[in-house]
Amino acid sequence: MTAVAGIALCRAVIYADLTDGRIPSGWLAGLWLGLGLAVSDVISGTLSVQAWIPPHPWVLLIPVITGILFGAWTVESSLLWSRVWRGRSIRPVLALALIPAGLGLAVWFVGWGSHRTVLGQGVLSGVHLWQRWGFELSDHVVEQTATDLTFRHTAFIGSIASIPLAITALWAIPLWACAIRRTTVVPEWIDSTLARTGTDTRAAIPLPSLRAVLWPALIGTLVCWLSVLAVQAYMHRWRPDSGGTQQTGFEWVDSWWLLITVVMGAATAVAVTLGYSTRFSLIIAIVAGYTTVLIGTAGILALTSTDGCIRGLAITTRTCGFRPRLTQPFFHFVPAAALLVALLAGVAVGLAALVRGIRQRSQATRKPEPLSVPRTPAATTGPRQRVGIMMVSSAVIAVALFGTTQRIASLDQRPPTASDPDIDGRSEPVSIITRALQVGAWGERGGNELLKRNVEIFDNDLPAAIVETDDAVTVDVGLLQIACTKLGQGADDADRLFRVPDPDAQKLWQSFLSQAHGASKDCLKAIDDMGGVGQPDRQGDPSDPLALSLPALFRARSSFAAVLARITEDVAAGLRQS
């Protein structure tokens, strides 16, 4: 994809710049690329099991956003390197512009390919790790839950082999371009390409400098370090005694807070860059954010390695010394924070560009400029607008992350599908714990909702409609029609759900659904034959058509009880073994 779409877009940018043409929009080109990725996922069926659209359609925005970021980065990077490169050939420009984008896209494909089905289906294991392993902190359950949802569902990012190389390329290569000394000498590759003799007719474009990148990073780093000091002081106040399971839970919560400080610092750096009106806003934002992540992480490493030297900030020990804690969970999740910073930068820069475009269009509509008046430079967003954009961007990312972490599967469990060996009928052995997790996943993906609806029907709706006494059975026709309609609708919805992972439970479930369809149909037909809901309550006549339809409802109720007992036993057996 980088070799085809990337090179084509890069060459189009360079050609337009050389010929004073209109430089292609990276955001628009990336949008088309992202839509193509999203459509391919829908057509291939990798996001859903038995439907075109996944149960959580918002995940289709992920490939769209990825394509937009790829296109915007490629345009900005190719334009930047074509302006600073002085060699004889243009090929290094293509390589320097596309290597970071290609590596970033490769990392995305690895992570997306292994987790898109989980995201699309919205699977979640209901037992948190701290509950399973027994290091619950009763006064800090909210923090432990956030820690679990964040770390458990982003750990795979740190295990992607190419992610350190991708992050380094996205940071170092554009930073190198910003550090190249500017000259007025015409690049050799322009003369060799256009056969000119020392003439550069390209329009002047302000290029990003090191100061434009490092100044926001400095502010973000200060915010990060101050936040780290506040977090360590807070954690020092309630640290448990050394050793034991509570210490393990405490260290994980501490790592989560440190990760939050890094993201906060990088987000601050990105917010500062939004004040620049430049063609290279995405590059500046990402490089400034990554610089903040790097320096902020270095500061955290220094502080945690000297833990105990500052009494009010001591976390794991009370004695001063140099003890690097590279095995701390925090350092494994720094790559995930870096990817989040890139996403945050893309959303923030996109919103800032949208705001500027709307403001310029509004000003042009109110006061059209005379043709003789030269164009004014693009307006920059003021402090209030930058803060507003940053708040909106943070809210978008937070909502997306919360929705993702609330529905992602646990690391060691992919969602069961109809193509799994145990589901499609092949008798391969499955452990009790695996079976319980599979049944739990089935419940989270719609099974629990169907079970609750049927419990409501058989425990509340039917007893209210059918009253049995010693002498007779009284039926409220109106309530019975509601119950039978709900039973049929529930059976229809269950037909669209994938199979229960337990073969025995699936047989019971299928038998129940067949009985539910038949009982609902017979019940509603009997009510229609007798004239509808307007009839009085029926009582005592065993030959009544409505009375003849009741045994089928009772048989469906018994079958559902067997299904519920089997599924409950599967889950209970798994809990006993875990």
Protein backbone atom coordinates (compact mmCIF):
# COMPACT_ATOMS: atom_id res chain seq x y z
CA MET A 1 0.00 0.00 0.00
CA THR A 2 2.84 2.40 0.83
CA ALA A 3 4.65 1.51 -2.39
CA VAL A 4 1.58 2.18 -4.55
CA ALA A 5 -0.61 4.79 -2.87
CA GLY A 6 2.28 6.41 -0.99
CA ILE A 7 4.59 6.86 -3.97
CA ALA A 8 1.74 8.09 -6.17
CA LEU A 9 0.70 10.68 -3.60
CA CYS A 10 4.30 11.70 -2.89
CA ARG A 11 5.08 12.25 -6.57
CA ALA A 12 1.85 14.19 -7.06
CA VAL A 13 2.82 16.54 -4.22
CA ILE A 14 6.32 17.13 -5.57
CA TYR A 15 5.06 17.70 -9.12
CA ALA A 16 2.40 20.16 -7.97
CA ASP A 17 4.99 22.04 -5.92
CA LEU A 18 7.42 22.27 -8.83
CA THR A 19 4.83 23.44 -11.34
CA ASP A 20 3.02 25.87 -9.00
CA GLY A 21 -0.04 23.65 -9.12
CA ARG A 22 -2.52 22.89 -6.37
CA ILE A 23 -0.95 20.54 -3.85
CA PRO A 24 -3.20 17.51 -3.24
CA SER A 25 -5.11 17.33 0.01
CA GLY A 26 -3.65 14.60 2.17
CA TRP A 27 -6.78 14.55 4.30
CA LEU A 28 -9.05 13.92 1.32
CA ALA A 29 -6.76 11.34 -0.28
CA GLY A 30 -6.42 9.58 3.06
CA LEU A 31 -10.20 9.62 3.50
CA TRP A 32 -10.64 7.67 0.26
CA LEU A 33 -7.95 5.23 1.36
CA GLY A 34 -9.58 4.80 4.78
CA LEU A 35 -13.01 4.24 3.25
CA GLY A 36 -11.49 1.56 1.03
CA LEU A 37 -9.98 -0.18 4.08
CA ALA A 38 -13.32 -0.01 5.92
CA VAL A 39 -15.27 -1.37 2.96
CA SER A 40 -12.78 -4.23 2.53
CA ASP A 41 -13.28 -5.18 6.18
CA VAL A 42 -17.05 -5.18 5.73
CA ILE A 43 -16.91 -7.26 2.54
CA SER A 44 -14.43 -9.76 3.96
CA GLY A 45 -16.59 -10.28 7.05
CA THR A 46 -13.67 -9.94 9.46
CA LEU A 47 -15.55 -7.55 11.75
CA SER A 48 -18.71 -9.59 12.19
CA VAL A 49 -19.72 -13.21 12.44
CA GLN A 50 -23.07 -13.41 10.68
CA ALA A 51 -23.83 -9.89 9.44
CA TRP A 52 -22.44 -7.25 7.13
CA ILE A 53 -22.23 -4.57 9.81
CA PRO A 54 -20.59 -5.48 13.16
CA PRO A 55 -22.54 -5.11 16.42
CA HIS A 56 -20.35 -2.08 17.19
CA PRO A 57 -20.28 -0.09 13.92
CA TRP A 58 -18.07 2.63 15.38
CA VAL A 59 -15.01 0.41 14.84
CA LEU A 60 -15.32 1.15 11.11
CA LEU A 61 -14.02 4.62 11.93
CA ILE A 62 -10.65 3.16 12.91
CA PRO A 63 -9.50 2.26 9.36
CA VAL A 64 -10.96 5.54 8.10
CA ILE A 65 -8.94 7.57 10.61
CA THR A 66 -5.86 5.48 9.83
CA GLY A 67 -6.16 6.23 6.13
CA ILE A 68 -6.61 9.95 6.79
CA LEU A 69 -3.51 10.07 9.01
CA PHE A 70 -1.51 8.15 6.39
CA GLY A 71 -2.53 10.54 3.61
CA ALA A 72 -1.95 13.71 5.64
CA TRP A 73 1.45 12.52 6.87
CA THR A 74 2.56 11.51 3.37
CA VAL A 75 1.65 14.88 1.87
CA GLU A 76 3.29 16.92 4.62
CA SER A 77 6.40 14.73 4.79
CA SER A 78 6.96 14.66 1.03
CA LEU A 79 6.54 18.44 0.79
CA LEU A 80 8.90 19.00 3.71
CA TRP A 81 11.66 16.74 2.39
CA SER A 82 11.36 18.09 -1.16
CA ARG A 83 12.03 21.54 0.29
CA VAL A 84 15.04 20.65 2.45
CA TRP A 85 16.70 17.94 0.33
CA ARG A 86 19.76 19.14 -1.63
CA GLY A 87 20.94 15.95 -3.36
CA ARG A 88 20.96 15.16 -7.07
CA SER A 89 18.20 12.52 -7.00
CA ILE A 90 14.63 12.69 -5.76
CA ARG A 91 14.53 9.04 -4.71
CA PRO A 92 15.84 9.72 -1.18
CA VAL A 93 12.96 12.19 -0.77
CA LEU A 94 10.49 9.39 -1.50
CA ALA A 95 12.25 7.05 0.91
CA LEU A 96 12.52 9.59 3.76
CA ALA A 97 8.89 10.61 3.33
CA LEU A 98 7.43 7.11 3.09
CA ILE A 99 9.54 5.01 5.49
CA PRO A 100 7.87 6.41 8.65
CA ALA A 101 4.41 6.16 7.07
CA GLY A 102 5.06 2.61 5.88
CA LEU A 103 6.33 1.43 9.26
CA GLY A 104 3.39 3.05 11.04
CA LEU A 105 0.97 1.43 8.62
CA ALA A 106 2.65 -1.96 9.12
CA VAL A 107 2.22 -1.70 12.89
CA TRP A 108 -1.43 -0.78 12.41
CA PHE A 109 -2.07 -3.74 10.11
CA VAL A 110 -0.54 -6.17 12.63
CA GLY A 111 -2.61 -4.86 15.54
CA TRP A 112 -5.80 -4.36 13.51
CA GLY A 113 -5.57 -7.78 11.88
CA SER A 114 -5.39 -9.56 15.23
CA HIS A 115 -8.00 -7.51 17.12
CA ARG A 116 -10.54 -6.15 14.64
CA THR A 117 -12.95 -9.06 15.15
CA VAL A 118 -12.76 -8.63 18.91
CA LEU A 119 -13.46 -4.91 18.57
CA GLY A 120 -16.28 -5.41 16.09
CA GLN A 121 -18.00 -8.06 18.18
CA GLY A 122 -17.44 -6.26 21.48
CA VAL A 123 -16.33 -9.21 23.57
CA LEU A 124 -15.43 -8.64 27.19
CA SER A 125 -14.45 -11.08 29.90
CA GLY A 126 -16.41 -10.09 32.98
CA VAL A 127 -13.69 -10.95 35.53
CA HIS A 128 -11.01 -8.31 36.03
CA LEU A 129 -7.43 -9.48 36.44
CA TRP A 130 -7.15 -8.06 39.92
CA GLN A 131 -10.27 -10.02 40.90
CA ARG A 132 -8.93 -13.21 39.37
CA TRP A 133 -5.49 -12.90 40.95
CA GLY A 134 -6.70 -11.70 44.33
CA PHE A 135 -4.97 -8.33 44.80
CA GLU A 136 -8.04 -6.17 45.18
CA LEU A 137 -7.62 -2.75 46.80
CA SER A 138 -11.03 -2.15 48.35
CA ASP A 139 -10.64 1.65 48.60
CA HIS A 140 -9.36 2.07 45.04
CA VAL A 141 -11.59 -0.17 42.95
CA VAL A 142 -12.23 2.54 40.34
CA GLU A 143 -8.50 3.03 39.76
CA GLN A 144 -7.95 -0.72 39.59
CA THR A 145 -10.77 -1.12 37.07
CA ALA A 146 -9.33 1.64 34.87
CA THR A 147 -5.88 0.08 35.18
CA ASP A 148 -7.17 -3.32 34.17
CA LEU A 149 -9.18 -2.05 31.22
CA THR A 150 -6.24 0.01 29.97
CA PHE A 151 -3.40 -2.46 30.40
CA ARG A 152 -5.19 -5.71 29.66
CA HIS A 153 -6.41 -4.45 26.30
CA THR A 154 -3.32 -2.56 25.12
CA ALA A 155 -0.63 -5.05 26.12
CA PHE A 156 -0.55 -6.51 22.61
CA ILE A 157 0.78 -3.18 21.28
CA GLY A 158 4.04 -3.56 23.17
CA SER A 159 4.49 -7.06 21.77
CA ILE A 160 4.48 -5.89 18.11
CA ALA A 161 8.09 -6.35 17.03
CA SER A 162 8.24 -3.38 14.66
CA ILE A 163 6.67 -0.78 16.91
CA PRO A 164 9.95 0.60 18.38
CA LEU A 165 11.30 1.08 14.87
CA ALA A 166 8.07 2.73 13.68
CA ILE A 167 7.93 5.18 16.60
CA THR A 168 11.62 6.03 16.14
CA ALA A 169 11.11 6.70 12.43
CA LEU A 170 8.01 8.85 12.99
CA TRP A 171 9.98 10.95 15.48
CA ALA A 172 13.60 11.05 14.28
CA ILE A 173 13.23 11.41 10.49
CA PRO A 174 11.00 14.52 10.50
CA LEU A 175 13.04 15.93 13.40
CA TRP A 176 16.12 15.59 11.19
CA ALA A 177 14.32 17.51 8.44
CA CYS A 178 13.52 20.31 10.88
CA ALA A 179 17.20 20.47 11.91
CA ILE A 180 18.62 20.78 8.37
CA ARG A 181 20.09 24.19 7.79
CA ARG A 182 18.14 26.35 5.35
CA THR A 183 19.96 27.76 2.31
CA THR A 184 19.03 29.74 -0.77
CA VAL A 185 20.94 27.43 -3.09
CA VAL A 186 18.74 25.69 -5.64
CA PRO A 187 18.64 21.92 -4.94
CA GLU A 188 20.52 19.83 -7.47
CA TRP A 189 17.57 17.51 -8.02
CA ILE A 190 15.47 20.43 -9.35
CA ASP A 191 18.09 21.28 -11.98
CA SER A 192 18.39 17.64 -13.02
CA THR A 193 14.62 17.20 -13.11
CA LEU A 194 13.58 20.39 -14.92
CA ALA A 195 16.85 21.15 -16.73
CA ARG A 196 17.10 24.56 -15.11
CA THR A 197 20.23 26.50 -14.31
CA GLY A 198 20.17 27.77 -10.79
CA THR A 199 16.54 28.88 -10.71
CA ASP A 200 13.95 27.82 -8.12
CA THR A 201 10.51 29.19 -9.00
CA ARG A 202 8.61 27.43 -6.23
CA ALA A 203 6.46 29.59 -3.99
CA ALA A 204 7.94 30.35 -0.60
CA ILE A 205 6.61 28.15 2.21
CA PRO A 206 7.59 28.63 5.87
CA LEU A 207 9.33 25.43 6.99
CA PRO A 208 9.18 24.11 10.55
CA SER A 209 12.23 24.76 12.71
CA LEU A 210 13.60 22.94 15.71
CA ARG A 211 12.29 25.71 17.92
CA ALA A 212 8.75 25.19 16.63
CA VAL A 213 8.98 21.56 17.69
CA LEU A 214 11.03 21.75 20.89
CA TRP A 215 9.19 24.67 22.50
CA PRO A 216 5.83 22.82 22.75
CA ALA A 217 7.72 19.68 23.82
CA LEU A 218 9.38 21.65 26.64
CA ILE A 219 6.02 22.85 27.92
CA GLY A 220 4.57 19.35 27.66
CA THR A 221 7.54 17.86 29.50
CA LEU A 222 7.13 20.32 32.37
CA VAL A 223 3.46 19.39 32.64
CA CYS A 224 4.39 15.70 32.58
CA TRP A 225 7.04 15.98 35.29
CA LEU A 226 4.87 18.12 37.56
CA SER A 227 2.07 15.59 37.14
CA VAL A 228 4.48 12.76 38.01
CA LEU A 229 5.46 14.50 41.25
CA ALA A 230 1.79 14.97 42.15
CA VAL A 231 1.01 11.32 41.34
CA GLN A 232 3.92 9.98 43.38
CA ALA A 233 2.95 12.13 46.34
CA TYR A 234 -0.62 10.83 46.07
CA MET A 235 0.50 7.20 45.80
CA HIS A 236 2.86 7.64 48.77
CA ARG A 237 -0.09 8.53 50.99
CA TRP A 238 -1.78 5.12 50.67
CA ARG A 239 1.01 2.70 49.81
CA PRO A 240 0.49 -0.71 51.44
CA ASP A 241 3.07 -2.60 53.45
CA SER A 242 5.82 -4.13 51.32
CA GLY A 243 5.12 -7.60 49.95
CA GLY A 244 1.82 -9.40 49.50
CA THR A 245 -0.84 -9.23 46.86
CA GLN A 246 -1.83 -5.65 47.70
CA GLN A 247 1.66 -4.48 46.79
CA THR A 248 1.25 -6.00 43.33
CA GLY A 249 -2.05 -4.23 42.78
CA PHE A 250 -0.55 -0.98 44.09
CA GLU A 251 2.36 -1.10 41.63
CA TRP A 252 -0.02 -1.64 38.68
CA VAL A 253 -2.14 1.35 39.70
CA ASP A 254 1.03 3.42 40.09
CA SER A 255 2.12 2.45 36.57
CA TRP A 256 -1.30 3.42 35.21
CA TRP A 257 -1.06 6.87 36.78
CA LEU A 258 2.45 7.35 35.37
CA LEU A 259 1.14 6.46 31.91
CA ILE A 260 -1.62 9.06 32.31
CA THR A 261 0.98 11.73 33.14
CA VAL A 262 2.91 10.97 29.94
CA VAL A 263 -0.24 11.22 27.83
CA MET A 264 -1.22 14.47 29.58
CA GLY A 265 2.17 16.01 28.87
CA ALA A 266 2.12 14.95 25.23
CA ALA A 267 -1.46 16.23 24.85
CA THR A 268 -0.32 19.59 26.22
CA ALA A 269 2.49 19.73 23.66
CA VAL A 270 0.03 18.93 20.88
CA ALA A 271 -2.32 21.67 22.12
CA VAL A 272 0.48 24.24 21.97
CA THR A 273 1.28 23.33 18.35
CA LEU A 274 -2.31 24.06 17.33
CA GLY A 275 -1.45 27.76 17.40
CA TYR A 276 0.79 27.35 14.34
CA SER A 277 -0.69 28.13 10.94
CA THR A 278 1.45 25.96 8.68
CA ARG A 279 1.26 23.24 6.08
CA PHE A 280 3.18 20.92 8.42
CA SER A 281 0.89 21.00 11.45
CA LEU A 282 0.52 17.19 11.73
CA ILE A 283 4.27 16.59 11.60
CA ILE A 284 4.96 19.28 14.19
CA ALA A 285 2.24 17.94 16.50
CA ILE A 286 3.43 14.31 16.34
CA VAL A 287 7.12 15.16 16.70
CA ALA A 288 6.42 17.50 19.63
CA GLY A 289 4.24 14.85 21.26
CA TYR A 290 6.82 12.10 20.78
CA THR A 291 9.59 14.34 22.12
CA THR A 292 7.50 14.88 25.22
CA VAL A 293 6.92 11.14 25.58
CA LEU A 294 10.66 10.47 25.28
CA ILE A 295 11.86 13.13 27.72
CA GLY A 296 8.95 12.56 30.09
CA THR A 297 9.66 8.82 30.20
CA ALA A 298 13.34 9.53 30.85
CA GLY A 299 12.36 11.69 33.81
CA ILE A 300 10.06 8.97 35.15
CA LEU A 301 12.89 6.43 34.80
CA ALA A 302 15.21 8.69 36.79
CA LEU A 303 12.61 9.26 39.51
CA THR A 304 11.61 5.61 39.87
CA SER A 305 15.25 4.47 39.81
CA THR A 306 16.01 6.68 42.83
CA ASP A 307 12.84 5.75 44.69
CA GLY A 308 13.24 6.35 48.41
CA CYS A 309 15.63 9.31 48.13
CA ILE A 310 12.74 11.78 48.49
CA ARG A 311 10.79 10.70 51.55
CA GLY A 312 7.47 12.23 50.53
CA LEU A 313 7.59 10.50 47.11
CA ALA A 314 8.78 7.03 48.16
CA ILE A 315 6.69 4.24 46.64
CA THR A 316 8.38 0.84 46.94
CA THR A 317 11.20 1.43 49.42
CA ARG A 318 12.24 3.75 52.22
CA THR A 319 15.99 3.60 51.59
CA CYS A 320 17.78 5.79 49.04
CA GLY A 321 19.65 4.11 46.19
CA PHE A 322 19.86 3.70 42.43
CA ARG A 323 17.58 0.80 41.45
CA PRO A 324 16.32 1.00 37.85
CA ARG A 325 12.80 -0.46 37.60
CA LEU A 326 12.75 -1.29 33.91
CA THR A 327 10.52 -4.29 34.65
CA GLN A 328 7.82 -1.97 35.98
CA PRO A 329 4.59 -2.40 33.94
CA PHE A 330 4.72 1.27 32.94
CA PHE A 331 7.61 0.82 30.54
CA HIS A 332 5.88 -1.99 28.65
CA PHE A 333 2.94 0.28 27.84
CA VAL A 334 4.85 3.38 26.69
CA PRO A 335 4.46 2.29 23.00
CA ALA A 336 0.68 2.23 23.50
CA ALA A 337 0.87 5.79 24.86
CA ALA A 338 2.90 6.83 21.80
CA LEU A 339 0.25 5.47 19.43
CA LEU A 340 -2.43 7.27 21.41
CA VAL A 341 -0.46 10.51 21.09
CA ALA A 342 -0.30 10.10 17.29
CA LEU A 343 -4.06 9.55 17.16
CA LEU A 344 -4.68 12.50 19.46
CA ALA A 345 -2.44 14.72 17.31
CA GLY A 346 -4.29 13.71 14.15
CA VAL A 347 -7.73 14.41 15.62
CA ALA A 348 -6.63 17.71 17.17
CA VAL A 349 -4.93 18.97 14.00
CA GLY A 350 -7.91 17.93 11.89
CA LEU A 351 -10.34 19.77 14.15
CA ALA A 352 -8.09 22.85 14.17
CA ALA A 353 -7.96 22.86 10.37
CA LEU A 354 -11.73 22.48 10.24
CA VAL A 355 -12.23 25.41 12.61
CA ARG A 356 -9.86 27.61 10.60
CA GLY A 357 -11.60 26.67 7.36
CA ILE A 358 -15.03 27.53 8.77
CA ARG A 359 -13.78 30.84 10.14
CA GLN A 360 -12.14 31.81 6.86
CA ARG A 361 -15.23 30.90 4.88
CA SER A 362 -17.41 32.87 7.27
CA GLN A 363 -15.16 35.93 7.00
CA ALA A 364 -15.06 35.65 3.21
CA THR A 365 -18.87 35.50 3.11
CA ARG A 366 -19.30 38.56 5.29
CA LYS A 367 -16.58 40.72 3.73
CA PRO A 368 -15.54 39.61 0.25
CA GLU A 369 -12.06 40.79 -0.58
CA PRO A 370 -11.47 42.97 -3.67
CA LEU A 371 -9.41 41.31 -6.38
CA SER A 372 -6.66 43.91 -5.99
CA VAL A 373 -6.10 43.15 -2.33
CA PRO A 374 -3.54 40.41 -1.70
CA ARG A 375 -4.59 37.40 0.31
CA THR A 376 -4.07 37.51 4.01
CA PRO A 377 -2.33 34.57 5.63
CA ALA A 378 -4.43 31.87 7.20
CA ALA A 379 -5.83 32.88 10.54
CA THR A 380 -4.49 31.09 13.57
CA THR A 381 -6.60 29.78 16.37
CA GLY A 382 -6.47 31.80 19.55
CA PRO A 383 -5.91 30.44 23.07
CA ARG A 384 -9.60 29.85 23.73
CA GLN A 385 -10.05 28.01 20.46
CA ARG A 386 -6.96 25.87 21.14
CA VAL A 387 -8.24 24.90 24.57
CA GLY A 388 -11.68 24.13 23.16
CA ILE A 389 -10.27 22.01 20.36
CA MET A 390 -8.06 20.15 22.82
CA MET A 391 -10.97 19.46 25.14
CA VAL A 392 -13.09 18.14 22.28
CA SER A 393 -10.20 16.01 21.02
CA SER A 394 -9.57 14.59 24.48
CA ALA A 395 -13.27 13.80 24.86
CA VAL A 396 -13.36 11.98 21.50
CA ILE A 397 -10.31 9.90 22.40
CA ALA A 398 -11.60 9.17 25.90
CA VAL A 399 -14.98 8.02 24.63
CA ALA A 400 -13.35 5.86 21.97
CA LEU A 401 -10.97 4.29 24.48
CA PHE A 402 -13.70 3.73 27.03
CA GLY A 403 -15.91 2.04 24.46
CA THR A 404 -13.00 -0.07 23.28
CA THR A 405 -11.81 -1.15 26.70
CA GLN A 406 -15.34 -1.89 27.83
CA ARG A 407 -15.78 -4.35 24.97
CA ILE A 408 -12.36 -5.80 24.10
CA ALA A 409 -11.69 -9.46 24.89
CA SER A 410 -9.06 -10.59 27.38
CA LEU A 411 -5.56 -11.10 26.02
CA ASP A 412 -5.61 -14.87 26.08
CA GLN A 413 -9.09 -15.34 24.64
CA ARG A 414 -10.31 -14.61 21.15
CA PRO A 415 -14.06 -14.64 20.52
CA PRO A 416 -15.62 -17.96 19.51
CA THR A 417 -17.15 -17.99 16.04
CA ALA A 418 -19.12 -20.43 13.99
CA SER A 419 -15.90 -21.64 12.33
CA ASP A 420 -14.27 -22.71 15.60
CA PRO A 421 -13.60 -26.45 15.77
CA ASP A 422 -15.76 -27.08 18.80
CA ILE A 423 -18.69 -25.08 17.46
CA ASP A 424 -19.02 -26.59 14.03
CA GLY A 425 -19.34 -30.11 15.31
CA ARG A 426 -15.83 -31.52 15.47
CA SER A 427 -15.14 -33.17 18.80
CA GLU A 428 -11.82 -31.63 19.80
CA PRO A 429 -11.30 -31.49 23.59
CA VAL A 430 -11.84 -28.12 25.24
CA SER A 431 -10.85 -27.37 28.82
CA ILE A 432 -13.46 -26.44 31.40
CA ILE A 433 -12.03 -22.93 31.80
CA THR A 434 -11.94 -22.38 28.03
CA ARG A 435 -15.52 -23.60 27.74
CA ALA A 436 -16.60 -21.20 30.49
CA LEU A 437 -14.84 -18.30 28.78
CA GLN A 438 -16.45 -19.19 25.45
CA VAL A 439 -19.91 -19.34 27.01
CA GLY A 440 -19.20 -16.07 28.80
CA ALA A 441 -18.22 -14.47 25.48
CA TRP A 442 -21.44 -15.78 23.92
CA GLY A 443 -23.35 -14.15 26.74
CA GLU A 444 -21.57 -10.80 26.36
CA ARG A 445 -22.25 -10.75 22.63
CA GLY A 446 -26.03 -10.98 22.99
CA GLY A 447 -26.74 -14.26 24.75
CA ASN A 448 -27.22 -12.74 28.19
CA GLU A 449 -29.71 -10.24 26.82
CA LEU A 450 -31.79 -13.02 25.25
CA LEU A 451 -31.69 -15.06 28.46
CA LYS A 452 -32.89 -12.05 30.48
CA ARG A 453 -35.75 -11.44 28.05
CA ASN A 454 -36.95 -15.04 28.34
CA VAL A 455 -36.64 -15.01 32.12
CA GLU A 456 -38.84 -11.91 32.12
CA ILE A 457 -41.41 -13.69 29.94
CA PHE A 458 -41.59 -16.95 31.91
CA ASP A 459 -41.23 -15.46 35.41
CA ASN A 460 -43.37 -12.33 35.03
CA ASP A 461 -45.41 -12.08 31.83
CA LEU A 462 -46.86 -15.60 31.68
CA PRO A 463 -47.72 -15.87 35.42
CA ALA A 464 -49.52 -12.52 35.14
CA ALA A 465 -51.49 -13.73 32.08
CA ILE A 466 -52.26 -17.29 33.26
CA VAL A 467 -53.59 -17.69 36.78
CA GLU A 468 -54.01 -21.29 37.96
CA THR A 469 -56.32 -22.13 40.87
CA ASP A 470 -57.66 -25.38 42.26
CA ASP A 471 -60.88 -25.09 40.25
CA ALA A 472 -59.80 -23.56 36.92
CA VAL A 473 -57.27 -21.67 34.88
CA THR A 474 -57.99 -18.02 34.13
CA VAL A 475 -56.31 -16.38 31.14
CA ASP A 476 -55.96 -12.62 30.59
CA VAL A 477 -56.07 -12.53 26.80
CA GLY A 478 -54.40 -9.11 26.49
CA LEU A 479 -51.43 -10.00 28.71
CA LEU A 480 -51.08 -13.39 27.05
CA GLN A 481 -50.90 -11.82 23.60
CA ILE A 482 -48.10 -9.55 24.80
CA ALA A 483 -46.20 -12.49 26.29
CA CYS A 484 -46.59 -14.64 23.16
CA THR A 485 -45.48 -11.77 20.92
CA LYS A 486 -42.38 -11.16 23.03
CA LEU A 487 -41.59 -14.90 23.01
CA GLY A 488 -41.75 -15.04 19.22
CA GLN A 489 -39.67 -11.89 18.80
CA GLY A 490 -37.04 -13.25 21.17
CA ALA A 491 -36.84 -16.50 19.21
CA ASP A 492 -36.44 -14.55 15.97
CA ASP A 493 -33.60 -12.53 17.47
CA ALA A 494 -31.96 -15.68 18.79
CA ASP A 495 -31.94 -17.20 15.30
CA ARG A 496 -29.63 -14.36 14.21
CA LEU A 497 -27.19 -14.97 17.07
CA PHE A 498 -24.31 -17.39 16.58
CA ARG A 499 -24.40 -20.80 18.25
CA VAL A 500 -23.78 -21.50 21.90
CA PRO A 501 -20.14 -22.69 22.20
CA ASP A 502 -21.17 -25.71 24.32
CA PRO A 503 -22.60 -28.39 21.94
CA ASP A 504 -24.92 -29.80 24.63
CA ALA A 505 -26.20 -26.36 25.53
CA GLN A 506 -26.64 -25.58 21.83
CA LYS A 507 -28.87 -28.65 21.38
CA LEU A 508 -31.03 -27.58 24.32
CA TRP A 509 -31.07 -24.01 23.02
CA GLN A 510 -32.12 -25.06 19.53
CA SER A 511 -34.87 -27.28 20.93
CA PHE A 512 -36.15 -24.41 23.03
CA LEU A 513 -36.17 -22.02 20.07
CA SER A 514 -38.19 -24.48 17.99
CA GLN A 515 -40.72 -24.83 20.79
CA ALA A 516 -40.81 -21.07 21.33
CA HIS A 517 -41.55 -20.43 17.66
CA GLY A 518 -44.35 -23.01 17.64
CA ALA A 519 -45.87 -21.97 20.97
CA SER A 520 -45.87 -18.29 20.04
CA LYS A 521 -47.44 -18.96 16.65
CA ASP A 522 -50.17 -21.24 18.07
CA CYS A 523 -50.93 -18.82 20.89
CA LEU A 524 -51.33 -15.78 18.63
CA LYS A 525 -53.38 -17.78 16.11
CA ALA A 526 -55.76 -18.92 18.84
CA ILE A 527 -56.22 -15.34 20.01
CA ASP A 528 -56.92 -14.16 16.47
CA ASP A 529 -59.40 -16.99 15.85
CA MET A 530 -61.37 -16.09 18.94
CA GLY A 531 -61.71 -12.45 17.91
CA GLY A 532 -58.64 -10.72 19.31
CA VAL A 533 -57.88 -9.01 22.57
CA GLY A 534 -61.32 -7.54 23.08
CA GLN A 535 -62.66 -10.87 24.37
CA PRO A 536 -63.19 -11.39 28.11
CA ASP A 537 -60.87 -13.50 30.19
CA ARG A 538 -61.11 -17.21 29.38
CA GLN A 539 -61.82 -19.64 32.17
CA GLY A 540 -62.35 -23.34 32.64
CA ASP A 541 -63.11 -24.75 29.15
CA PRO A 542 -60.47 -27.42 28.28
CA SER A 543 -61.68 -27.56 24.65
CA ASP A 544 -61.09 -23.84 24.14
CA PRO A 545 -58.50 -23.29 21.31
CA LEU A 546 -56.64 -20.92 23.55
CA ALA A 547 -56.48 -23.53 26.31
CA LEU A 548 -55.13 -26.08 23.83
CA SER A 549 -52.20 -23.74 23.03
CA LEU A 550 -51.10 -23.35 26.65
CA PRO A 551 -49.27 -26.73 27.05
CA ALA A 552 -46.83 -25.68 24.31
CA LEU A 553 -45.96 -22.59 26.33
CA PHE A 554 -45.36 -24.70 29.41
CA ARG A 555 -43.12 -27.10 27.46
CA ALA A 556 -41.11 -24.13 26.14
CA ARG A 557 -40.74 -22.91 29.71
CA SER A 558 -39.34 -26.29 30.80
CA SER A 559 -36.91 -26.34 27.87
CA PHE A 560 -35.69 -22.86 28.72
CA ALA A 561 -35.10 -23.91 32.32
CA ALA A 562 -32.87 -26.74 31.03
CA VAL A 563 -30.91 -24.28 28.85
CA LEU A 564 -30.41 -21.90 31.74
CA ALA A 565 -29.26 -24.69 34.03
CA ARG A 566 -26.72 -25.97 31.48
CA ILE A 567 -25.21 -22.55 30.77
CA THR A 568 -25.05 -21.76 34.49
CA GLU A 569 -23.24 -25.04 35.10
CA ASP A 570 -20.68 -24.26 32.37
CA VAL A 571 -19.81 -20.91 33.92
CA ALA A 572 -19.78 -22.28 37.48
CA ALA A 573 -17.47 -25.14 36.47
CA GLY A 574 -15.03 -22.67 34.95
CA LEU A 575 -15.02 -20.52 38.07
CA ARG A 576 -14.34 -23.57 40.23
CA GLN A 577 -11.35 -24.50 38.06
CA SER A 578 -9.88 -20.97 37.84
